[in-house]
């Protein structure tokens, strides 16, 4: 039994460093085809290994996660030549979630974001055709206003991590399972590159 992969590689110890590196998240579309996009890592949920991502509820990824709630996030760090592929189930928390604890997490994530980041949720629906050639409309948002309807918090609960270090030619896979008490445990195995 191992500690969570995020602890083994220092991800949980230095989450601020990840804010400056793009992460890609892959989902499965309703057609069965893969769909990939860049997202911003917003930290770990509490003391857990669950990954938080803010997103717009009007994007295609929400529809894809409703169809298939599994995703994989990938980071590659060019300085250390390390790659982390983290796969698991994603919980989509929007303003209609009946769980008050989840709604509070969503609100906390909202207020932890910059005002500029929050303003993007007021813009026209992402991915739709632009109907005018005029410059984008300027929006105003009172900084004390809670989350707008378009704001969603994604929580990725990892169940497998593939770690690759190209400098050391090392590759490990971490797989989680629940023990008899229902506690998540991680097991690791060295695998071929």
N, C-alpha and C. Protein backbone atom coordinates (compact mmCIF):
# COMPACT_ATOMS: atom_id res chain seq x y z
N UNK A 1 0.85 -1.18 0.00
CA UNK A 1 0.00 0.00 0.00
C UNK A 1 0.89 1.23 0.00
N UNK A 2 0.51 2.24 -0.75
CA UNK A 2 1.30 3.46 -0.91
C UNK A 2 0.48 4.66 -0.49
N UNK A 3 1.17 5.79 -0.32
CA UNK A 3 0.47 7.05 -0.14
C UNK A 3 -0.08 7.46 -1.50
N UNK A 4 -0.94 8.45 -1.49
CA UNK A 4 -1.50 8.93 -2.75
C UNK A 4 -0.37 9.40 -3.66
N UNK A 5 -0.50 9.18 -4.98
CA UNK A 5 0.55 9.60 -5.91
C UNK A 5 0.86 11.09 -5.79
N UNK A 6 -0.14 11.90 -5.51
CA UNK A 6 0.11 13.34 -5.38
C UNK A 6 1.08 13.61 -4.25
N UNK A 7 1.05 12.82 -3.20
CA UNK A 7 1.98 12.98 -2.09
C UNK A 7 3.34 12.39 -2.44
N UNK A 8 3.36 11.27 -3.13
CA UNK A 8 4.61 10.62 -3.48
C UNK A 8 5.50 11.50 -4.34
N UNK A 9 4.90 12.30 -5.23
CA UNK A 9 5.68 13.12 -6.14
C UNK A 9 5.67 14.60 -5.79
N UNK A 10 5.14 14.94 -4.62
CA UNK A 10 5.18 16.32 -4.17
C UNK A 10 4.13 17.22 -4.79
N UNK A 11 3.17 16.67 -5.54
CA UNK A 11 2.14 17.50 -6.13
C UNK A 11 1.31 18.18 -5.05
N UNK A 12 1.02 17.46 -3.99
CA UNK A 12 0.20 18.05 -2.94
C UNK A 12 1.02 19.05 -2.12
N UNK A 13 2.32 18.88 -2.07
CA UNK A 13 3.15 19.77 -1.28
C UNK A 13 3.39 21.10 -1.98
N UNK A 14 3.33 21.11 -3.31
CA UNK A 14 3.62 22.33 -4.06
C UNK A 14 2.55 22.61 -5.11
N UNK A 15 1.28 22.65 -4.74
CA UNK A 15 0.25 22.85 -5.77
C UNK A 15 0.35 24.20 -6.46
N UNK A 16 0.94 25.23 -5.83
CA UNK A 16 1.05 26.53 -6.47
C UNK A 16 1.85 26.42 -7.76
N UNK A 17 2.86 25.55 -7.79
CA UNK A 17 3.69 25.41 -8.99
C UNK A 17 2.86 24.95 -10.19
N UNK A 18 1.79 24.19 -9.95
CA UNK A 18 0.99 23.67 -11.04
C UNK A 18 0.11 24.74 -11.69
N UNK A 19 -0.13 25.85 -10.99
CA UNK A 19 -0.97 26.90 -11.55
C UNK A 19 -0.33 27.52 -12.78
N UNK A 20 0.98 27.35 -12.95
CA UNK A 20 1.68 27.99 -14.04
C UNK A 20 1.93 27.04 -15.20
N UNK A 21 1.43 25.83 -15.12
CA UNK A 21 1.60 24.85 -16.18
C UNK A 21 0.23 24.45 -16.72
N UNK A 22 0.11 24.42 -18.02
CA UNK A 22 -1.18 24.00 -18.57
C UNK A 22 -1.42 22.53 -18.31
N UNK A 23 -2.66 22.20 -18.10
CA UNK A 23 -3.07 20.80 -17.97
C UNK A 23 -4.09 20.53 -19.05
N UNK A 24 -4.07 19.36 -19.60
CA UNK A 24 -5.06 18.97 -20.60
C UNK A 24 -5.99 17.94 -19.98
N UNK A 25 -7.27 18.08 -20.28
CA UNK A 25 -8.26 17.13 -19.82
C UNK A 25 -8.93 16.50 -21.03
N UNK A 26 -8.97 15.19 -21.05
CA UNK A 26 -9.63 14.45 -22.12
C UNK A 26 -10.90 13.82 -21.58
N UNK A 27 -11.97 13.93 -22.37
CA UNK A 27 -13.25 13.30 -22.06
C UNK A 27 -13.66 12.48 -23.28
N UNK A 28 -14.79 11.80 -23.16
CA UNK A 28 -15.32 11.02 -24.27
C UNK A 28 -16.63 11.68 -24.71
N UNK A 29 -16.70 12.04 -25.99
CA UNK A 29 -17.90 12.67 -26.53
C UNK A 29 -19.03 11.67 -26.70
N UNK A 30 -20.24 12.17 -26.93
CA UNK A 30 -21.40 11.29 -27.10
C UNK A 30 -21.25 10.41 -28.34
N UNK A 31 -20.37 10.81 -29.27
CA UNK A 31 -20.12 10.01 -30.47
C UNK A 31 -19.11 8.90 -30.19
N UNK A 32 -18.54 8.90 -28.97
CA UNK A 32 -17.52 7.91 -28.63
C UNK A 32 -16.11 8.36 -28.98
N UNK A 33 -16.00 9.55 -29.56
CA UNK A 33 -14.69 10.09 -29.95
C UNK A 33 -14.07 10.87 -28.80
N UNK A 34 -12.73 10.89 -28.71
CA UNK A 34 -12.08 11.66 -27.64
C UNK A 34 -12.21 13.16 -27.87
N UNK A 35 -12.19 13.89 -26.77
CA UNK A 35 -12.26 15.34 -26.80
C UNK A 35 -11.27 15.85 -25.76
N UNK A 36 -10.39 16.77 -26.17
CA UNK A 36 -9.32 17.23 -25.30
C UNK A 36 -9.29 18.75 -25.28
N UNK A 37 -8.96 19.32 -24.11
CA UNK A 37 -8.84 20.76 -23.99
C UNK A 37 -7.93 21.11 -22.82
N UNK A 38 -7.44 22.35 -22.83
CA UNK A 38 -6.58 22.84 -21.76
C UNK A 38 -7.46 23.44 -20.66
N UNK A 39 -7.10 23.17 -19.43
CA UNK A 39 -7.82 23.70 -18.27
C UNK A 39 -6.81 24.25 -17.27
N UNK A 40 -7.32 24.92 -16.25
CA UNK A 40 -6.47 25.46 -15.18
C UNK A 40 -6.70 24.64 -13.92
N UNK A 41 -5.64 24.08 -13.41
CA UNK A 41 -5.66 23.36 -12.14
C UNK A 41 -5.91 24.38 -11.03
N UNK A 42 -6.88 24.10 -10.15
CA UNK A 42 -7.23 25.03 -9.07
C UNK A 42 -6.89 24.48 -7.70
N UNK A 43 -6.15 23.38 -7.65
CA UNK A 43 -5.73 22.83 -6.36
C UNK A 43 -6.37 21.49 -6.08
N UNK A 44 -6.05 21.00 -4.90
CA UNK A 44 -6.63 19.75 -4.43
C UNK A 44 -7.75 20.07 -3.46
N UNK A 45 -8.73 19.21 -3.42
CA UNK A 45 -9.86 19.40 -2.52
C UNK A 45 -9.45 19.01 -1.10
N UNK A 46 -9.33 20.01 -0.24
CA UNK A 46 -8.96 19.76 1.15
C UNK A 46 -7.64 19.01 1.24
N UNK A 47 -7.61 17.97 2.05
CA UNK A 47 -6.41 17.14 2.23
C UNK A 47 -6.45 15.90 1.35
N UNK A 48 -7.32 15.89 0.38
CA UNK A 48 -7.48 14.70 -0.46
C UNK A 48 -6.61 14.78 -1.71
N UNK A 49 -6.72 13.76 -2.55
CA UNK A 49 -6.03 13.75 -3.83
C UNK A 49 -6.98 14.13 -4.97
N UNK A 50 -8.16 14.65 -4.64
CA UNK A 50 -9.13 15.06 -5.65
C UNK A 50 -8.73 16.41 -6.23
N UNK A 51 -8.77 16.49 -7.56
CA UNK A 51 -8.32 17.66 -8.30
C UNK A 51 -9.50 18.57 -8.62
N UNK A 52 -9.33 19.87 -8.37
CA UNK A 52 -10.38 20.85 -8.64
C UNK A 52 -10.07 21.63 -9.92
N UNK A 53 -11.11 21.80 -10.74
CA UNK A 53 -11.01 22.55 -11.99
C UNK A 53 -12.28 23.40 -12.11
N UNK A 54 -12.13 24.67 -12.41
CA UNK A 54 -13.28 25.53 -12.68
C UNK A 54 -13.60 25.46 -14.16
N UNK A 55 -14.88 25.51 -14.50
CA UNK A 55 -15.24 25.50 -15.91
C UNK A 55 -16.59 26.16 -16.12
N UNK A 56 -16.87 26.41 -17.37
CA UNK A 56 -18.14 27.01 -17.78
C UNK A 56 -19.13 25.88 -18.05
N UNK A 57 -20.28 25.92 -17.41
CA UNK A 57 -21.30 24.88 -17.57
C UNK A 57 -21.89 24.83 -18.96
N UNK A 58 -21.62 25.82 -19.78
CA UNK A 58 -22.16 25.85 -21.15
C UNK A 58 -21.23 25.20 -22.16
N UNK A 59 -20.07 24.71 -21.70
CA UNK A 59 -19.11 24.10 -22.63
C UNK A 59 -19.48 22.66 -22.94
N UNK A 60 -18.92 22.16 -24.01
CA UNK A 60 -19.18 20.79 -24.46
C UNK A 60 -18.70 19.76 -23.43
N UNK A 61 -17.66 20.08 -22.66
CA UNK A 61 -17.14 19.09 -21.71
C UNK A 61 -18.17 18.68 -20.67
N UNK A 62 -19.08 19.59 -20.31
CA UNK A 62 -20.12 19.26 -19.31
C UNK A 62 -21.06 18.21 -19.90
N UNK A 63 -21.50 18.42 -21.12
CA UNK A 63 -22.36 17.44 -21.80
C UNK A 63 -21.64 16.09 -21.90
N UNK A 64 -20.35 16.12 -22.23
CA UNK A 64 -19.58 14.89 -22.35
C UNK A 64 -19.44 14.18 -21.01
N UNK A 65 -19.23 14.94 -19.94
CA UNK A 65 -19.11 14.33 -18.61
C UNK A 65 -20.44 13.78 -18.12
N UNK A 66 -21.54 14.38 -18.54
CA UNK A 66 -22.86 13.83 -18.19
C UNK A 66 -23.10 12.51 -18.91
N UNK A 67 -22.58 12.41 -20.12
CA UNK A 67 -22.69 11.18 -20.92
C UNK A 67 -21.76 10.09 -20.37
N UNK A 68 -20.55 10.47 -20.02
CA UNK A 68 -19.54 9.55 -19.49
C UNK A 68 -18.72 10.31 -18.45
N UNK A 69 -18.89 10.01 -17.16
CA UNK A 69 -18.30 10.83 -16.10
C UNK A 69 -16.81 10.58 -15.83
N UNK A 70 -16.10 9.99 -16.78
CA UNK A 70 -14.68 9.72 -16.59
C UNK A 70 -13.83 10.63 -17.47
N UNK A 71 -12.67 11.00 -16.96
CA UNK A 71 -11.77 11.90 -17.70
C UNK A 71 -10.33 11.57 -17.30
N UNK A 72 -9.42 12.12 -18.09
CA UNK A 72 -8.00 12.00 -17.77
C UNK A 72 -7.36 13.36 -17.92
N UNK A 73 -6.60 13.75 -16.89
CA UNK A 73 -5.87 15.02 -16.92
C UNK A 73 -4.39 14.68 -17.13
N UNK A 74 -3.69 15.53 -17.88
CA UNK A 74 -2.29 15.27 -18.17
C UNK A 74 -1.47 16.54 -18.00
N UNK A 75 -0.36 16.38 -17.29
CA UNK A 75 0.63 17.45 -17.16
C UNK A 75 1.94 16.93 -17.70
N UNK A 76 2.68 17.79 -18.39
CA UNK A 76 4.05 17.47 -18.76
C UNK A 76 4.91 18.66 -18.34
N UNK A 77 5.95 18.39 -17.54
CA UNK A 77 6.85 19.42 -17.05
C UNK A 77 8.14 19.36 -17.85
N UNK A 78 8.38 20.38 -18.66
CA UNK A 78 9.53 20.36 -19.55
C UNK A 78 10.86 20.42 -18.81
N UNK A 79 10.93 21.10 -17.68
CA UNK A 79 12.20 21.20 -16.93
C UNK A 79 12.63 19.86 -16.35
N UNK A 80 11.68 19.11 -15.80
CA UNK A 80 12.03 17.84 -15.15
C UNK A 80 11.80 16.63 -16.06
N UNK A 81 11.19 16.84 -17.22
CA UNK A 81 10.86 15.77 -18.17
C UNK A 81 9.92 14.75 -17.53
N UNK A 82 8.98 15.23 -16.75
CA UNK A 82 8.03 14.34 -16.09
C UNK A 82 6.63 14.54 -16.66
N UNK A 83 5.91 13.44 -16.75
CA UNK A 83 4.53 13.47 -17.20
C UNK A 83 3.67 12.77 -16.15
N UNK A 84 2.52 13.37 -15.86
CA UNK A 84 1.53 12.77 -14.97
C UNK A 84 0.24 12.63 -15.75
N UNK A 85 -0.28 11.43 -15.88
CA UNK A 85 -1.60 11.19 -16.47
C UNK A 85 -2.47 10.64 -15.36
N UNK A 86 -3.50 11.39 -15.02
CA UNK A 86 -4.34 11.07 -13.86
C UNK A 86 -5.75 10.86 -14.36
N UNK A 87 -6.27 9.67 -14.10
CA UNK A 87 -7.58 9.36 -14.64
C UNK A 87 -8.53 8.97 -13.53
N UNK A 88 -9.79 9.34 -13.70
CA UNK A 88 -10.78 9.04 -12.68
C UNK A 88 -12.15 9.57 -13.04
N UNK A 89 -13.02 9.50 -12.06
CA UNK A 89 -14.41 9.94 -12.22
C UNK A 89 -14.50 11.43 -11.86
N UNK A 90 -15.32 12.17 -12.61
CA UNK A 90 -15.48 13.60 -12.40
C UNK A 90 -16.89 13.90 -11.89
N UNK A 91 -16.93 14.68 -10.82
CA UNK A 91 -18.19 15.16 -10.26
C UNK A 91 -18.37 16.59 -10.75
N UNK A 92 -19.49 16.89 -11.40
CA UNK A 92 -19.79 18.23 -11.90
C UNK A 92 -20.69 18.90 -10.86
N UNK A 93 -20.21 20.00 -10.30
CA UNK A 93 -20.98 20.72 -9.28
C UNK A 93 -21.42 22.05 -9.87
N UNK A 94 -22.72 22.16 -10.13
CA UNK A 94 -23.28 23.41 -10.63
C UNK A 94 -24.21 24.00 -9.57
N UNK A 95 -24.86 25.09 -9.87
CA UNK A 95 -25.71 25.76 -8.90
C UNK A 95 -26.96 25.01 -8.53
N UNK A 96 -27.29 23.95 -9.27
CA UNK A 96 -28.48 23.16 -8.97
C UNK A 96 -28.20 21.92 -8.14
N UNK A 97 -26.94 21.73 -7.75
CA UNK A 97 -26.58 20.55 -6.96
C UNK A 97 -27.34 20.58 -5.64
N UNK A 98 -27.97 19.47 -5.25
CA UNK A 98 -28.75 19.47 -4.01
C UNK A 98 -27.91 19.38 -2.72
N UNK A 99 -26.62 19.09 -2.86
CA UNK A 99 -25.76 18.91 -1.69
C UNK A 99 -25.21 20.25 -1.22
N UNK A 100 -25.59 20.72 -0.01
CA UNK A 100 -25.11 22.02 0.46
C UNK A 100 -23.59 22.08 0.65
N UNK A 101 -22.95 20.97 0.96
CA UNK A 101 -21.49 20.95 1.12
C UNK A 101 -20.84 21.21 -0.23
N UNK A 102 -21.34 20.56 -1.28
CA UNK A 102 -20.80 20.77 -2.63
C UNK A 102 -21.04 22.21 -3.10
N UNK A 103 -22.22 22.75 -2.78
CA UNK A 103 -22.51 24.14 -3.17
C UNK A 103 -21.55 25.10 -2.47
N UNK A 104 -21.18 24.79 -1.24
CA UNK A 104 -20.21 25.64 -0.52
C UNK A 104 -18.83 25.53 -1.16
N UNK A 105 -18.44 24.31 -1.58
CA UNK A 105 -17.16 24.14 -2.28
C UNK A 105 -17.14 24.94 -3.57
N UNK A 106 -18.27 24.93 -4.29
CA UNK A 106 -18.39 25.70 -5.53
C UNK A 106 -18.23 27.19 -5.24
N UNK A 107 -18.89 27.66 -4.20
CA UNK A 107 -18.79 29.08 -3.85
C UNK A 107 -17.36 29.44 -3.43
N UNK A 108 -16.73 28.57 -2.66
CA UNK A 108 -15.33 28.82 -2.26
C UNK A 108 -14.42 28.91 -3.49
N UNK A 109 -14.64 28.01 -4.46
CA UNK A 109 -13.84 28.03 -5.69
C UNK A 109 -14.08 29.33 -6.46
N UNK A 110 -15.32 29.78 -6.49
CA UNK A 110 -15.67 31.03 -7.17
C UNK A 110 -14.89 32.20 -6.58
N UNK A 111 -14.95 32.35 -5.27
CA UNK A 111 -14.30 33.48 -4.62
C UNK A 111 -12.78 33.35 -4.59
N UNK A 112 -12.25 32.14 -4.79
CA UNK A 112 -10.80 31.95 -4.86
C UNK A 112 -10.25 32.37 -6.23
N UNK A 113 -11.14 32.54 -7.20
CA UNK A 113 -10.74 32.95 -8.56
C UNK A 113 -10.65 34.47 -8.64
N UNK A 114 -9.82 34.94 -9.54
CA UNK A 114 -9.70 36.38 -9.74
C UNK A 114 -10.99 36.93 -10.35
N UNK A 115 -11.21 38.21 -10.19
CA UNK A 115 -12.38 38.85 -10.77
C UNK A 115 -12.36 38.71 -12.29
N UNK A 116 -11.19 38.85 -12.89
CA UNK A 116 -11.07 38.70 -14.35
C UNK A 116 -11.49 37.30 -14.79
N UNK A 117 -11.10 36.29 -14.02
CA UNK A 117 -11.49 34.92 -14.33
C UNK A 117 -13.01 34.75 -14.21
N UNK A 118 -13.60 35.34 -13.18
CA UNK A 118 -15.05 35.23 -12.97
C UNK A 118 -15.84 35.90 -14.10
N UNK A 119 -15.29 36.99 -14.65
CA UNK A 119 -16.00 37.71 -15.71
C UNK A 119 -16.22 36.87 -16.96
N UNK A 120 -15.36 35.90 -17.21
CA UNK A 120 -15.50 35.09 -18.43
C UNK A 120 -16.81 34.29 -18.44
N UNK A 121 -17.38 34.04 -17.26
CA UNK A 121 -18.63 33.29 -17.18
C UNK A 121 -19.85 34.12 -17.56
N UNK A 122 -19.66 35.43 -17.79
CA UNK A 122 -20.74 36.31 -18.22
C UNK A 122 -20.74 36.50 -19.74
N UNK A 123 -19.70 36.04 -20.40
CA UNK A 123 -19.59 36.22 -21.85
C UNK A 123 -20.57 35.29 -22.58
N UNK A 124 -20.74 35.52 -23.89
CA UNK A 124 -21.66 34.65 -24.66
C UNK A 124 -21.24 33.18 -24.58
N UNK A 125 -22.17 32.30 -24.88
CA UNK A 125 -21.91 30.86 -24.80
C UNK A 125 -20.66 30.46 -25.57
N UNK A 126 -19.72 29.79 -24.89
CA UNK A 126 -18.50 29.35 -25.58
C UNK A 126 -18.81 28.30 -26.64
N UNK A 127 -18.07 28.39 -27.73
CA UNK A 127 -18.20 27.39 -28.79
C UNK A 127 -19.27 27.68 -29.82
N UNK A 128 -20.11 28.68 -29.58
CA UNK A 128 -21.15 29.02 -30.56
C UNK A 128 -20.62 30.06 -31.53
N UNK A 129 -21.25 30.16 -32.69
CA UNK A 129 -20.84 31.14 -33.70
C UNK A 129 -21.00 32.55 -33.16
N UNK A 130 -20.04 33.38 -33.48
CA UNK A 130 -20.11 34.79 -33.09
C UNK A 130 -21.03 35.49 -34.07
N UNK A 131 -22.05 36.19 -33.55
CA UNK A 131 -23.08 36.77 -34.41
C UNK A 131 -22.76 38.18 -34.89
N UNK A 132 -21.74 38.78 -34.35
CA UNK A 132 -21.41 40.15 -34.74
C UNK A 132 -19.90 40.32 -34.86
N UNK A 133 -19.50 41.26 -35.69
CA UNK A 133 -18.07 41.55 -35.85
C UNK A 133 -17.60 42.62 -34.86
N UNK A 134 -18.53 43.15 -34.10
CA UNK A 134 -18.18 44.19 -33.14
C UNK A 134 -17.35 43.60 -32.00
N UNK A 135 -16.53 44.47 -31.37
CA UNK A 135 -15.72 43.98 -30.24
C UNK A 135 -16.60 43.38 -29.15
N UNK A 136 -16.03 42.45 -28.41
CA UNK A 136 -16.77 41.79 -27.35
C UNK A 136 -17.25 42.82 -26.33
N UNK A 137 -18.43 42.57 -25.82
CA UNK A 137 -19.04 43.46 -24.82
C UNK A 137 -18.26 43.40 -23.51
N UNK A 138 -18.13 44.55 -22.85
CA UNK A 138 -17.50 44.61 -21.54
C UNK A 138 -18.55 44.25 -20.49
N UNK A 139 -18.18 43.44 -19.52
CA UNK A 139 -19.10 43.04 -18.46
C UNK A 139 -18.62 43.58 -17.13
N UNK A 140 -19.57 43.81 -16.24
CA UNK A 140 -19.26 44.25 -14.89
C UNK A 140 -19.80 43.21 -13.91
N UNK A 141 -19.03 42.94 -12.87
CA UNK A 141 -19.45 42.00 -11.85
C UNK A 141 -19.04 42.54 -10.49
N UNK A 142 -19.99 42.66 -9.60
CA UNK A 142 -19.70 43.07 -8.23
C UNK A 142 -18.84 41.98 -7.60
N UNK A 143 -17.65 42.29 -7.08
CA UNK A 143 -16.75 41.27 -6.52
C UNK A 143 -17.37 40.46 -5.38
N UNK A 144 -18.42 40.98 -4.75
CA UNK A 144 -19.05 40.25 -3.63
C UNK A 144 -20.17 39.33 -4.10
N UNK A 145 -20.50 39.37 -5.40
CA UNK A 145 -21.55 38.52 -5.95
C UNK A 145 -21.09 37.08 -6.00
N UNK A 146 -21.96 36.16 -5.58
CA UNK A 146 -21.65 34.73 -5.60
C UNK A 146 -21.61 34.18 -7.01
N UNK A 147 -21.41 32.88 -7.14
CA UNK A 147 -21.24 32.25 -8.45
C UNK A 147 -22.43 32.49 -9.38
N UNK A 148 -22.13 32.77 -10.63
CA UNK A 148 -23.17 32.91 -11.65
C UNK A 148 -23.56 31.51 -12.13
N UNK A 149 -24.70 31.41 -12.80
CA UNK A 149 -25.24 30.10 -13.21
C UNK A 149 -24.28 29.30 -14.07
N UNK A 150 -23.49 29.96 -14.92
CA UNK A 150 -22.59 29.24 -15.84
C UNK A 150 -21.38 28.62 -15.15
N UNK A 151 -21.10 29.03 -13.92
CA UNK A 151 -19.90 28.55 -13.23
C UNK A 151 -20.11 27.15 -12.66
N UNK A 152 -19.20 26.25 -13.01
CA UNK A 152 -19.21 24.88 -12.49
C UNK A 152 -17.85 24.56 -11.88
N UNK A 153 -17.89 23.73 -10.87
CA UNK A 153 -16.66 23.20 -10.27
C UNK A 153 -16.60 21.72 -10.62
N UNK A 154 -15.48 21.31 -11.19
CA UNK A 154 -15.27 19.89 -11.49
C UNK A 154 -14.33 19.33 -10.43
N UNK A 155 -14.66 18.16 -9.92
CA UNK A 155 -13.81 17.45 -8.97
C UNK A 155 -13.46 16.11 -9.59
N UNK A 156 -12.18 15.95 -9.95
CA UNK A 156 -11.71 14.67 -10.50
C UNK A 156 -11.18 13.82 -9.35
N UNK A 157 -11.82 12.68 -9.13
CA UNK A 157 -11.41 11.75 -8.08
C UNK A 157 -10.55 10.67 -8.74
N UNK A 158 -9.23 10.77 -8.61
CA UNK A 158 -8.35 9.86 -9.35
C UNK A 158 -8.44 8.42 -8.87
N UNK A 159 -8.37 7.51 -9.83
CA UNK A 159 -8.29 6.09 -9.48
C UNK A 159 -7.07 5.42 -10.12
N UNK A 160 -6.41 6.15 -11.02
CA UNK A 160 -5.18 5.64 -11.63
C UNK A 160 -4.28 6.80 -12.03
N UNK A 161 -2.98 6.64 -11.77
CA UNK A 161 -1.99 7.65 -12.16
C UNK A 161 -0.87 6.93 -12.89
N UNK A 162 -0.53 7.47 -14.05
CA UNK A 162 0.61 6.96 -14.82
C UNK A 162 1.68 8.04 -14.74
N UNK A 163 2.79 7.73 -14.11
CA UNK A 163 3.89 8.67 -13.92
C UNK A 163 5.05 8.25 -14.80
N UNK A 164 5.58 9.21 -15.57
CA UNK A 164 6.70 8.94 -16.46
C UNK A 164 7.77 9.99 -16.22
N UNK A 165 9.01 9.53 -15.97
CA UNK A 165 10.15 10.41 -15.81
C UNK A 165 11.16 10.05 -16.91
N UNK A 166 11.26 10.91 -17.91
CA UNK A 166 12.13 10.61 -19.06
C UNK A 166 13.61 10.83 -18.76
N UNK A 167 13.93 11.64 -17.74
CA UNK A 167 15.34 11.82 -17.36
C UNK A 167 15.89 10.55 -16.72
N UNK A 168 15.06 9.89 -15.93
CA UNK A 168 15.49 8.67 -15.22
C UNK A 168 15.04 7.39 -15.91
N UNK A 169 14.32 7.53 -17.04
CA UNK A 169 13.73 6.37 -17.71
C UNK A 169 12.94 5.51 -16.72
N UNK A 170 12.07 6.16 -16.00
CA UNK A 170 11.27 5.49 -14.98
C UNK A 170 9.78 5.71 -15.27
N UNK A 171 9.02 4.65 -15.13
CA UNK A 171 7.58 4.75 -15.31
C UNK A 171 6.91 3.92 -14.22
N UNK A 172 5.97 4.55 -13.54
CA UNK A 172 5.21 3.90 -12.48
C UNK A 172 3.74 4.06 -12.76
N UNK A 173 2.97 3.07 -12.38
CA UNK A 173 1.53 3.22 -12.41
C UNK A 173 1.03 3.06 -10.98
N UNK A 174 0.11 3.91 -10.60
CA UNK A 174 -0.54 3.85 -9.30
C UNK A 174 -2.01 3.54 -9.54
N UNK A 175 -2.52 2.57 -8.80
CA UNK A 175 -3.92 2.19 -8.93
C UNK A 175 -4.53 2.21 -7.53
N UNK A 176 -5.72 2.77 -7.44
CA UNK A 176 -6.38 2.83 -6.14
C UNK A 176 -7.45 1.76 -6.03
N UNK A 177 -7.70 1.38 -4.81
CA UNK A 177 -8.82 0.49 -4.51
C UNK A 177 -9.23 0.80 -3.08
N UNK A 178 -10.39 0.34 -2.70
CA UNK A 178 -10.87 0.59 -1.34
C UNK A 178 -10.62 -0.66 -0.51
N UNK A 179 -10.12 -0.45 0.72
CA UNK A 179 -9.89 -1.58 1.61
C UNK A 179 -11.21 -1.99 2.27
N UNK A 180 -11.17 -2.94 3.19
CA UNK A 180 -12.37 -3.46 3.84
C UNK A 180 -13.13 -2.37 4.58
N UNK A 181 -12.42 -1.33 5.03
CA UNK A 181 -13.07 -0.23 5.75
C UNK A 181 -13.58 0.87 4.82
N UNK A 182 -13.42 0.67 3.50
CA UNK A 182 -13.88 1.66 2.54
C UNK A 182 -12.92 2.82 2.34
N UNK A 183 -11.69 2.68 2.83
CA UNK A 183 -10.68 3.72 2.71
C UNK A 183 -9.89 3.50 1.41
N UNK A 184 -9.68 4.60 0.67
CA UNK A 184 -8.93 4.51 -0.58
C UNK A 184 -7.46 4.22 -0.28
N UNK A 185 -6.92 3.20 -0.94
CA UNK A 185 -5.51 2.83 -0.81
C UNK A 185 -4.90 2.83 -2.20
N UNK A 186 -3.63 3.20 -2.27
CA UNK A 186 -2.92 3.24 -3.54
C UNK A 186 -1.85 2.16 -3.58
N UNK A 187 -1.73 1.52 -4.73
CA UNK A 187 -0.71 0.49 -4.97
C UNK A 187 0.08 0.94 -6.19
N UNK A 188 1.38 0.76 -6.13
CA UNK A 188 2.19 1.17 -7.28
C UNK A 188 2.93 -0.01 -7.87
N UNK A 189 3.26 0.15 -9.14
CA UNK A 189 4.00 -0.87 -9.86
C UNK A 189 4.91 -0.18 -10.87
N UNK A 190 6.16 -0.62 -10.94
CA UNK A 190 7.07 -0.12 -11.97
C UNK A 190 6.74 -0.84 -13.25
N UNK A 191 6.57 -0.09 -14.32
CA UNK A 191 6.22 -0.71 -15.60
C UNK A 191 7.21 -0.27 -16.68
N UNK A 192 7.20 -0.97 -17.79
CA UNK A 192 8.09 -0.63 -18.91
C UNK A 192 7.69 0.69 -19.50
N UNK A 193 8.72 1.40 -20.04
CA UNK A 193 8.44 2.68 -20.70
C UNK A 193 7.59 2.42 -21.90
